[in-house]
Amino acid sequence: MAKYDSNLHKEIVSLPTMVRFIHNEIQNKCKTVFTVEELKNFDNIVLSGCGDSLCASYAVKECYETLLGLHIDTPVCLDLSRHYDVRRFGEKNKTLVILVSFSGKVSRVVEAAERAKANGALTMAVTHDIDSPVAKACDRVLHVVPEPFDLHRTPGCRTYVASMTALYLFGFAMAELTGKIDTATAEGYRKDILDYVDAYEAVMDKMDDDLFNIAVSWKPVPYFEFLSSGPEFASAWFGQAKMFEATNDFSRYENFEDWAHVDYILRKMDSGIFLFVDKKNPAFSRAQEVASVLTRQSYRYLVFTDADPSLFADPLKVFPVPTAKNLWLTPLMQAALPCMFAGALAHVKGTTEFCADMIDSLFPFGGAILRNSKIEMH
């Protein structure tokens, strides 16, 4: 049973139900956004968004590369809208640009859509608001509709997972419709999502309690680091953002290799470190080496993995998690883990939810800085 309650915690426990709902609701939509001829014409896909939406784009990148065999680019949205070499869009209608924005109201995403369209790309919005500025700026819309939920101003756990779910299912549909995979394989991938959700749901209460206890013991930690590689790098990236939002503690994210190149030479820092590494991750051995360094230097760390704990320098630092059938699906439910810890730590520290005290006193304009930013064409 949960040891605390908050709006973020309500989002976390709702994730399995939400994924199942979107899974059933969006499959037909995924197959009708484009014609088969349009889908077969694409030889390049660009995925982008801002914040968690960019993270969701990166999370599915390897899935798209594996199933579609196309070049997949995931530029930062500001780069896409103001710095991206438009020659990379190629011939007219040969590049699909997918713009992810659950709210559909972020100016930079609108700007990226308009620039891509002006330079010959076909654009698709992945959004909850079909009448939003982002939806209107794009050629097509994949409408993401979770089950009814009283969504408060929280660190965005549901919206991130909702966007990932929609992106995975669109990728499966595109691969099926273009003949890259057969229908049986596509159905198998869709079932993999449900199996993965079931596996997480079965142990979420225990993970929730265990991470709460860790949050209690890590209360004095001054800052946090999140490390990973490949598709799971999205989980490190997302985890860093949730710590900022839930507790207002300084956090950073890095890949295993760059951590080993730079942080390895530092004197021991009093941080709390999270490693995300599936046993199928090609960087698994590098994660083991990083964990060995952390053990030798007596760091406070935790490894989220489906691998045998004995494979790491300190098995007691291993936090077992359910496995996804394919590595590229791992980020979907892995997102719950940093949210569980961040939500628990916010409760332990008594942090005002979603830093509402700062938002009200220092940022009375709320999301205006995102939604009212000047749109330019470059």
Protein backbone atom coordinates (compact mmCIF):
# COMPACT_ATOMS: atom_id res chain seq x y z
CA MET A 1 0.00 0.00 0.00
CA ALA A 2 1.20 3.51 -0.76
CA LYS A 3 2.70 5.38 2.19
CA TYR A 4 1.63 8.79 0.91
CA ASP A 5 -0.75 10.43 -1.53
CA SER A 6 -0.39 13.29 -4.00
CA ASN A 7 -1.54 14.26 -7.46
CA LEU A 8 1.66 12.80 -8.90
CA HIS A 9 1.09 9.54 -7.05
CA LYS A 10 -2.44 9.31 -8.44
CA GLU A 11 -0.95 9.66 -11.93
CA ILE A 12 1.59 6.90 -11.29
CA VAL A 13 -0.94 4.32 -10.14
CA SER A 14 -3.22 5.19 -13.09
CA LEU A 15 -0.61 4.37 -15.73
CA PRO A 16 -1.55 0.72 -16.44
CA THR A 17 -5.23 1.58 -16.89
CA MET A 18 -4.38 4.54 -19.10
CA VAL A 19 -2.04 2.58 -21.38
CA ARG A 20 -4.66 -0.14 -21.86
CA PHE A 21 -7.30 2.46 -22.65
CA ILE A 22 -5.16 4.25 -25.26
CA HIS A 23 -4.03 0.90 -26.65
CA ASN A 24 -7.63 0.01 -27.46
CA GLU A 25 -8.77 3.50 -28.44
CA ILE A 26 -6.08 4.57 -30.87
CA GLN A 27 -5.29 1.51 -33.02
CA ASN A 28 -7.72 2.33 -35.82
CA LYS A 29 -6.68 5.99 -35.79
CA CYS A 30 -3.06 4.94 -36.31
CA LYS A 31 -4.02 3.15 -39.52
CA THR A 32 -6.01 6.01 -41.03
CA VAL A 33 -3.88 9.12 -40.50
CA PHE A 34 -2.09 8.53 -43.82
CA THR A 35 -2.83 6.46 -46.88
CA VAL A 36 -0.67 3.41 -47.52
CA GLU A 37 0.79 5.16 -50.57
CA GLU A 38 1.81 8.16 -48.45
CA LEU A 39 3.42 5.94 -45.83
CA LYS A 40 5.38 4.00 -48.45
CA ASN A 41 6.65 7.27 -49.92
CA PHE A 42 8.45 8.34 -46.73
CA ASP A 43 12.17 7.67 -46.64
CA ASN A 44 12.95 9.81 -43.60
CA ILE A 45 11.19 10.49 -40.29
CA VAL A 46 11.84 13.37 -37.91
CA LEU A 47 10.41 13.18 -34.38
CA SER A 48 10.46 16.20 -32.11
CA GLY A 49 8.75 18.13 -29.34
CA CYS A 50 9.69 20.07 -26.22
CA GLY A 51 10.43 18.78 -22.73
CA ASP A 52 8.80 15.42 -22.01
CA SER A 53 7.51 15.30 -25.59
CA LEU A 54 11.04 15.37 -26.97
CA CYS A 55 11.96 12.69 -24.46
CA ALA A 56 9.05 10.53 -25.71
CA SER A 57 10.28 11.04 -29.27
CA TYR A 58 13.74 9.80 -28.32
CA ALA A 59 12.27 6.85 -26.41
CA VAL A 60 10.65 5.39 -29.55
CA LYS A 61 13.52 6.20 -31.95
CA GLU A 62 15.09 2.73 -31.84
CA CYS A 63 11.67 1.09 -32.25
CA TYR A 64 11.07 3.06 -35.45
CA GLU A 65 14.56 2.37 -36.77
CA THR A 66 14.20 -1.36 -36.09
CA LEU A 67 10.71 -1.83 -37.54
CA LEU A 68 10.76 0.67 -40.40
CA GLY A 69 14.37 0.56 -41.54
CA LEU A 70 14.33 4.33 -42.13
CA HIS A 71 16.57 7.14 -40.97
CA ILE A 72 15.04 8.57 -37.80
CA ASP A 73 16.11 11.97 -36.50
CA THR A 74 15.14 13.41 -33.09
CA PRO A 75 16.37 17.02 -33.02
CA VAL A 76 15.63 19.43 -30.22
CA CYS A 77 12.55 21.38 -31.28
CA LEU A 78 14.35 24.75 -31.24
CA ASP A 79 16.97 23.27 -33.56
CA LEU A 80 14.26 21.92 -35.85
CA SER A 81 12.48 25.27 -36.02
CA ARG A 82 15.49 27.60 -36.31
CA HIS A 83 18.72 25.72 -37.07
CA TYR A 84 17.87 22.49 -38.91
CA ASP A 85 19.27 22.23 -42.44
CA VAL A 86 16.07 22.17 -44.50
CA ARG A 87 17.85 20.27 -47.27
CA ARG A 88 17.52 17.24 -45.00
CA PHE A 89 13.76 17.23 -45.65
CA GLY A 90 14.60 16.10 -49.16
CA GLU A 91 12.03 15.90 -51.94
CA LYS A 92 8.47 17.07 -51.34
CA ASN A 93 6.44 14.67 -49.15
CA LYS A 94 9.38 12.27 -48.70
CA THR A 95 9.94 13.22 -45.06
CA LEU A 96 7.43 12.72 -42.28
CA VAL A 97 7.83 15.15 -39.38
CA ILE A 98 6.03 14.02 -36.22
CA LEU A 99 5.49 16.81 -33.70
CA VAL A 100 4.62 15.63 -30.20
CA SER A 101 2.75 17.98 -27.86
CA PHE A 102 0.14 16.58 -25.51
CA SER A 103 -1.27 20.04 -24.78
CA GLY A 104 -0.85 21.15 -28.37
CA LYS A 105 -0.15 24.70 -27.25
CA VAL A 106 3.64 25.06 -27.34
CA SER A 107 4.75 27.81 -29.72
CA ARG A 108 8.07 26.22 -30.65
CA VAL A 109 6.31 23.07 -31.83
CA VAL A 110 3.94 25.16 -33.97
CA GLU A 111 6.95 26.93 -35.42
CA ALA A 112 8.70 23.62 -36.22
CA ALA A 113 5.57 22.33 -37.97
CA GLU A 114 5.25 25.46 -40.09
CA ARG A 115 8.93 25.39 -41.09
CA ALA A 116 8.81 21.71 -42.00
CA LYS A 117 5.66 22.17 -44.11
CA ALA A 118 7.14 25.20 -45.87
CA ASN A 119 10.09 23.05 -46.90
CA GLY A 120 8.18 20.11 -48.31
CA ALA A 121 7.73 17.75 -45.39
CA LEU A 122 4.42 16.19 -44.37
CA THR A 123 3.64 16.83 -40.71
CA MET A 124 1.65 14.96 -38.08
CA ALA A 125 0.73 16.23 -34.62
CA VAL A 126 0.54 13.76 -31.74
CA THR A 127 -1.69 15.61 -29.30
CA HIS A 128 -4.60 15.40 -26.90
CA ASP A 129 -6.18 18.63 -28.19
CA ILE A 130 -7.41 18.21 -31.74
CA ASP A 131 -8.28 21.93 -31.96
CA SER A 132 -4.96 23.17 -30.60
CA PRO A 133 -2.47 25.42 -32.40
CA VAL A 134 -0.10 22.47 -32.96
CA ALA A 135 -2.89 20.33 -34.43
CA LYS A 136 -3.92 23.17 -36.74
CA ALA A 137 -0.34 23.77 -37.85
CA CYS A 138 0.14 20.15 -38.96
CA ASP A 139 -1.15 18.34 -42.04
CA ARG A 140 -2.50 15.41 -40.03
CA VAL A 141 -3.31 14.65 -36.38
CA LEU A 142 -2.99 11.52 -34.27
CA HIS A 143 -5.49 12.28 -31.53
CA VAL A 144 -4.41 10.84 -28.16
CA VAL A 145 -7.39 10.35 -25.83
CA PRO A 146 -6.70 8.79 -22.41
CA GLU A 147 -9.52 7.70 -20.15
CA PRO A 148 -11.20 10.48 -18.08
CA PHE A 149 -8.83 11.64 -15.34
CA ASP A 150 -8.71 14.73 -13.16
CA LEU A 151 -5.33 15.99 -14.33
CA HIS A 152 -3.79 18.58 -12.03
CA ARG A 153 -0.63 20.60 -12.46
CA THR A 154 1.83 17.80 -11.73
CA PRO A 155 5.19 16.62 -13.11
CA GLY A 156 3.62 15.15 -16.25
CA CYS A 157 3.85 11.40 -15.78
CA ARG A 158 0.62 10.50 -17.60
CA THR A 159 1.14 12.80 -20.57
CA TYR A 160 4.62 11.39 -21.23
CA VAL A 161 3.46 7.77 -21.13
CA ALA A 162 0.36 8.59 -23.18
CA SER A 163 2.51 10.13 -25.92
CA MET A 164 4.89 7.15 -25.92
CA THR A 165 1.99 4.70 -26.15
CA ALA A 166 0.56 6.53 -29.16
CA LEU A 167 3.97 6.72 -30.86
CA TYR A 168 4.68 3.01 -30.39
CA LEU A 169 1.28 2.05 -31.79
CA PHE A 170 1.66 4.37 -34.77
CA GLY A 171 5.06 2.82 -35.47
CA PHE A 172 3.56 -0.68 -35.40
CA ALA A 173 0.75 0.42 -37.73
CA MET A 174 3.12 2.09 -40.17
CA ALA A 175 5.39 -0.97 -40.29
CA GLU A 176 2.37 -3.22 -40.88
CA LEU A 177 0.75 -1.06 -43.55
CA THR A 178 3.99 -0.67 -45.48
CA GLY A 179 4.71 -4.38 -45.38
CA LYS A 180 7.80 -4.14 -43.19
CA ILE A 181 6.13 -6.56 -40.75
CA ASP A 182 3.13 -8.85 -41.19
CA THR A 183 -0.14 -8.51 -39.27
CA ALA A 184 0.70 -11.34 -36.86
CA THR A 185 3.96 -9.64 -35.91
CA ALA A 186 2.22 -6.30 -35.46
CA GLU A 187 -0.38 -7.92 -33.21
CA GLY A 188 2.43 -9.53 -31.26
CA TYR A 189 4.04 -6.15 -30.64
CA ARG A 190 0.70 -4.71 -29.50
CA LYS A 191 0.32 -7.63 -27.09
CA ASP A 192 3.86 -7.01 -25.84
CA ILE A 193 2.70 -3.60 -24.61
CA LEU A 194 -0.15 -5.16 -22.62
CA ASP A 195 2.08 -7.90 -21.21
CA TYR A 196 4.65 -5.33 -20.13
CA VAL A 197 1.97 -3.22 -18.45
CA ASP A 198 0.59 -6.30 -16.66
CA ALA A 199 4.05 -7.22 -15.38
CA TYR A 200 4.58 -3.73 -13.97
CA GLU A 201 1.13 -3.53 -12.45
CA ALA A 202 1.73 -6.79 -10.57
CA VAL A 203 4.70 -5.33 -8.68
CA MET A 204 3.93 -1.61 -8.57
CA ASP A 205 2.80 -1.61 -4.94
CA LYS A 206 6.02 -3.27 -3.81
CA MET A 207 8.21 -1.01 -5.94
CA ASP A 208 6.29 1.98 -4.63
CA ASP A 209 6.94 1.00 -1.02
CA ASP A 210 10.59 0.12 -1.64
CA LEU A 211 11.28 3.44 -3.37
CA PHE A 212 9.52 5.31 -0.59
CA ASN A 213 11.89 3.68 1.92
CA ILE A 214 14.86 4.64 -0.23
CA ALA A 215 13.55 8.20 -0.42
CA VAL A 216 13.46 8.31 3.37
CA SER A 217 17.09 7.20 3.62
CA TRP A 218 18.18 9.53 0.81
CA LYS A 219 16.44 12.61 2.20
CA PRO A 220 19.76 14.44 2.93
CA VAL A 221 21.06 13.93 -0.65
CA PRO A 222 21.79 17.37 -2.17
CA TYR A 223 21.51 16.41 -5.86
CA PHE A 224 20.81 13.49 -8.18
CA GLU A 225 22.22 11.90 -11.32
CA PHE A 226 20.45 9.67 -13.85
CA LEU A 227 22.53 7.46 -16.16
CA SER A 228 21.70 5.20 -19.08
CA SER A 229 22.19 4.53 -22.81
CA GLY A 230 20.15 3.71 -25.90
CA PRO A 231 16.34 3.79 -25.60
CA GLU A 232 16.69 3.77 -21.81
CA PHE A 233 18.53 7.08 -22.00
CA ALA A 234 15.03 8.55 -22.31
CA SER A 235 14.29 7.24 -18.80
CA ALA A 236 17.37 8.97 -17.39
CA TRP A 237 16.43 12.16 -19.21
CA PHE A 238 12.83 11.98 -17.99
CA GLY A 239 13.90 11.11 -14.44
CA GLN A 240 16.08 14.20 -14.20
CA ALA A 241 13.13 16.38 -15.22
CA LYS A 242 10.80 14.80 -12.67
CA MET A 243 13.25 15.50 -9.84
CA PHE A 244 13.35 19.16 -10.84
CA GLU A 245 9.58 19.35 -10.99
CA ALA A 246 8.65 17.27 -7.95
CA THR A 247 11.31 18.27 -5.42
CA ASN A 248 13.15 21.25 -6.98
CA ASP A 249 16.42 19.42 -6.29
CA PHE A 250 19.26 19.86 -8.75
CA SER A 251 19.56 16.88 -11.07
CA ARG A 252 21.46 15.93 -14.20
CA TYR A 253 21.39 13.11 -16.73
CA GLU A 254 24.22 11.52 -18.68
CA ASN A 255 25.06 8.43 -20.72
CA PHE A 256 27.28 5.75 -19.21
CA GLU A 257 30.23 6.51 -21.49
CA ASP A 258 30.44 10.24 -20.88
CA TRP A 259 29.98 9.69 -17.14
CA ALA A 260 32.96 7.34 -17.24
CA HIS A 261 35.03 9.87 -19.19
CA VAL A 262 34.35 12.91 -17.02
CA ASP A 263 32.73 12.09 -13.68
CA TYR A 264 35.05 9.14 -13.14
CA ILE A 265 37.95 11.47 -12.37
CA LEU A 266 36.01 13.58 -9.87
CA ARG A 267 36.44 13.21 -6.19
CA LYS A 268 33.41 11.54 -4.68
CA MET A 269 30.35 13.76 -4.94
CA ASP A 270 27.57 13.39 -2.40
CA SER A 271 24.92 12.58 -4.99
CA GLY A 272 22.24 9.94 -5.40
CA ILE A 273 22.71 8.09 -8.68
CA PHE A 274 20.23 5.99 -10.68
CA LEU A 275 21.27 3.64 -13.48
CA PHE A 276 18.71 2.30 -15.97
CA VAL A 277 19.91 -0.77 -17.86
CA ASP A 278 17.98 -3.68 -19.32
CA LYS A 279 19.89 -6.95 -19.66
CA LYS A 280 19.36 -6.71 -23.44
CA ASN A 281 21.00 -3.28 -23.64
CA PRO A 282 24.21 -3.47 -25.73
CA ALA A 283 25.75 -1.07 -23.20
CA PHE A 284 25.13 -3.50 -20.33
CA SER A 285 28.83 -4.20 -19.76
CA ARG A 286 29.52 -0.46 -19.60
CA ALA A 287 26.82 -0.11 -16.96
CA GLN A 288 28.49 -2.87 -14.97
CA GLU A 289 31.79 -1.00 -15.14
CA VAL A 290 30.19 2.24 -14.00
CA ALA A 291 28.54 0.41 -11.10
CA SER A 292 31.94 -0.99 -10.13
CA VAL A 293 33.41 2.50 -9.99
CA LEU A 294 30.47 3.69 -7.89
CA THR A 295 30.97 0.80 -5.49
CA ARG A 296 34.70 1.42 -5.14
CA GLN A 297 34.06 5.09 -4.43
CA SER A 298 31.24 4.30 -1.98
CA TYR A 299 28.60 6.19 -3.92
CA ARG A 300 24.93 6.11 -3.03
CA TYR A 301 23.36 4.51 -6.12
CA LEU A 302 20.62 2.23 -7.44
CA VAL A 303 20.49 0.09 -10.59
CA PHE A 304 17.07 -0.40 -12.20
CA THR A 305 17.42 -3.65 -14.16
CA ASP A 306 15.85 -6.98 -15.06
CA ALA A 307 19.28 -8.65 -14.89
CA ASP A 308 20.49 -10.95 -12.11
CA PRO A 309 21.74 -8.76 -9.23
CA SER A 310 24.86 -10.93 -8.95
CA LEU A 311 26.09 -9.45 -12.24
CA PHE A 312 26.79 -6.13 -10.50
CA ALA A 313 29.53 -5.14 -8.09
CA ASP A 314 27.07 -4.67 -5.23
CA PRO A 315 23.92 -6.81 -5.66
CA LEU A 316 22.28 -4.92 -2.78
CA LYS A 317 22.26 -1.80 -4.97
CA VAL A 318 20.16 -3.56 -7.64
CA PHE A 319 16.44 -2.73 -7.86
CA PRO A 320 14.70 -5.53 -9.84
CA VAL A 321 12.15 -4.40 -12.43
CA PRO A 322 9.97 -6.25 -14.96
CA THR A 323 11.34 -6.87 -18.41
CA ALA A 324 9.97 -5.83 -21.79
CA LYS A 325 10.18 -8.34 -24.62
CA ASN A 326 12.11 -5.87 -26.76
CA LEU A 327 14.67 -3.37 -25.49
CA TRP A 328 13.05 -0.54 -27.43
CA LEU A 329 9.81 -0.93 -25.44
CA THR A 330 11.54 -0.59 -22.07
CA PRO A 331 11.01 3.19 -21.60
CA LEU A 332 7.21 2.85 -21.66
CA MET A 333 6.78 1.62 -18.08
CA GLN A 334 10.26 2.48 -16.83
CA ALA A 335 8.89 6.01 -16.63
CA ALA A 336 7.04 5.06 -13.44
CA LEU A 337 10.27 4.47 -11.50
CA PRO A 338 11.73 7.99 -11.26
CA CYS A 339 8.22 9.32 -10.68
CA MET A 340 7.75 6.95 -7.75
CA PHE A 341 11.01 8.08 -6.20
CA ALA A 342 10.51 11.78 -6.92
CA GLY A 343 6.94 11.72 -5.60
CA ALA A 344 8.03 9.91 -2.44
CA LEU A 345 10.96 12.28 -1.85
CA ALA A 346 8.71 15.29 -2.33
CA HIS A 347 6.43 13.88 0.37
CA VAL A 348 9.35 13.08 2.71
CA LYS A 349 10.79 16.58 2.28
CA GLY A 350 7.42 18.30 2.42
CA THR A 351 8.02 19.95 -0.95
CA THR A 352 5.12 22.06 -2.20
CA GLU A 353 3.54 20.05 -4.98
CA PHE A 354 5.00 20.86 -8.40
CA CYS A 355 6.83 23.77 -6.77
CA ALA A 356 3.55 25.69 -6.73
CA ASP A 357 5.05 28.20 -4.33
CA MET A 358 7.67 29.18 -6.91
CA ILE A 359 5.24 29.15 -9.82
CA ASP A 360 2.81 31.44 -8.02
CA SER A 361 5.43 33.86 -6.71
CA LEU A 362 8.06 33.90 -9.46
CA PHE A 363 6.21 32.73 -12.56
CA PRO A 364 2.68 34.15 -12.41
CA PHE A 365 2.47 33.88 -16.20
CA GLY A 366 2.36 30.07 -15.86
CA GLY A 367 2.82 28.45 -19.26
CA ALA A 368 2.73 31.73 -21.18
CA ILE A 369 6.49 31.61 -21.77
CA LEU A 370 5.89 28.39 -23.71
CA ARG A 371 2.61 29.26 -25.39
CA ASN A 372 3.13 32.92 -26.25
CA SER A 373 6.70 32.77 -27.49
CA LYS A 374 7.25 34.64 -30.75
CA ILE A 375 6.90 32.41 -33.79
CA GLU A 376 9.46 33.13 -36.51
CA MET A 377 10.24 31.53 -39.85
CA HIS A 378 13.89 30.75 -40.56
